[in-house]
Protein backbone atom coordinates (compact mmCIF):
# COMPACT_ATOMS: atom_id res chain seq x y z
CA MET A 1 14.63 -20.31 7.52
CA SER A 2 12.44 -19.73 10.58
CA ALA A 3 13.66 -16.13 10.73
CA LEU A 4 12.10 -15.51 7.31
CA LEU A 5 8.74 -16.78 8.53
CA ASN A 6 8.70 -14.20 11.33
CA LEU A 7 9.13 -11.18 9.05
CA PRO A 8 6.10 -8.87 9.05
CA GLN A 9 4.03 -8.81 5.91
CA GLN A 10 4.54 -5.72 3.78
CA GLU A 11 1.74 -3.22 4.26
CA ARG A 12 0.65 -2.53 0.67
CA ARG A 13 -2.39 -0.35 1.23
CA ASN A 14 -0.14 2.61 2.04
CA ASP A 15 1.83 2.26 -1.18
CA SER A 16 1.05 5.08 -3.56
CA LEU A 17 0.77 3.62 -7.02
CA ASN A 18 -0.01 6.11 -9.70
CA PHE A 19 -2.96 5.81 -12.06
CA ASP A 20 -0.83 4.31 -14.84
CA ALA A 21 0.28 1.44 -12.59
CA PHE A 22 -3.35 0.54 -11.79
CA TRP A 23 -4.46 1.07 -15.39
CA ASN A 24 -1.80 -1.30 -16.72
CA LEU A 25 -3.13 -4.10 -14.49
CA LEU A 26 -6.57 -4.01 -16.14
CA THR A 27 -7.84 -6.09 -19.03
CA LEU A 28 -9.16 -4.43 -22.16
CA ALA A 29 -12.73 -5.28 -21.07
CA GLN A 30 -12.15 -3.58 -17.71
CA LYS A 31 -10.72 -0.49 -19.39
CA LEU A 32 -13.75 -0.20 -21.68
CA ALA A 33 -16.17 -0.61 -18.77
CA LEU A 34 -14.26 1.94 -16.70
CA ASN A 35 -14.41 4.45 -19.55
CA LYS A 36 -18.20 4.10 -19.55
CA LEU A 37 -18.32 4.57 -15.76
CA ASN A 38 -16.16 7.70 -16.10
CA GLN A 39 -19.11 9.35 -17.88
CA TYR A 40 -21.05 9.05 -14.59
CA GLY A 41 -18.25 10.43 -12.45
CA TYR A 42 -16.55 7.20 -11.39
CA GLN A 43 -12.76 7.14 -11.18
CA LEU A 44 -10.45 4.15 -10.80
CA ALA A 45 -9.61 3.98 -7.09
CA PHE A 46 -7.54 0.78 -6.84
CA THR A 47 -7.30 -2.82 -7.93
CA ARG A 48 -7.40 -6.03 -5.95
CA ALA A 49 -5.73 -9.28 -6.91
CA GLU A 50 -8.42 -11.93 -7.16
CA SER A 51 -8.16 -15.47 -8.53
CA GLY A 52 -5.19 -14.78 -10.78
CA SER A 53 -6.59 -11.53 -12.17
CA HIS A 54 -7.37 -8.06 -10.87
CA LEU A 55 -10.69 -6.64 -9.73
CA ALA A 56 -10.97 -2.95 -10.57
CA VAL A 57 -12.62 -0.74 -7.97
CA ALA A 58 -14.00 2.61 -9.07
CA GLN A 59 -15.37 5.34 -6.82
CA CYS A 60 -17.81 8.22 -7.28
CA ASP A 61 -18.15 10.25 -4.10
CA SER A 62 -19.11 7.60 -1.49
CA ALA A 63 -20.35 5.04 -4.05
CA PHE A 64 -18.19 2.17 -5.27
CA ALA A 65 -18.38 -0.08 -8.31
CA THR A 66 -16.33 -3.13 -9.17
CA ILE A 67 -15.35 -4.40 -12.60
CA ASP A 68 -14.31 -8.03 -13.00
CA PHE A 69 -11.77 -9.28 -15.55
CA GLU A 70 -14.53 -9.80 -18.14
CA GLY A 71 -15.70 -6.20 -17.82
CA GLU A 72 -18.84 -6.97 -15.80
CA VAL A 73 -19.78 -4.00 -13.62
CA ASN A 74 -21.27 -4.38 -10.15
CA LEU A 75 -22.71 -1.10 -8.87
CA ASN A 76 -23.58 -2.58 -5.47
CA PRO A 77 -20.49 -4.55 -4.46
CA THR A 78 -19.90 -5.94 -1.00
CA LEU A 79 -16.43 -4.54 -0.33
CA THR A 80 -14.53 -4.69 2.90
CA LEU A 81 -12.28 -1.65 2.97
CA ARG A 82 -9.37 -1.58 5.38
């Protein structure tokens, strides 16, 4: 059992999920909000697991926006990117 505890954690940020995989993680409210952001040039960049749901992160050039599970958009998020 102790050997399992010493295994390195899987590095997920290098996994290349396609757009469909990210899109399928979103709620309907997030998808609607993202469609509105697309009109301003934002694209879905990735999702983050957060409190049992997923936070959608969209990017337009160097600007980021987040969309919570209820579809609320934050155009000035405090993100820590690795």
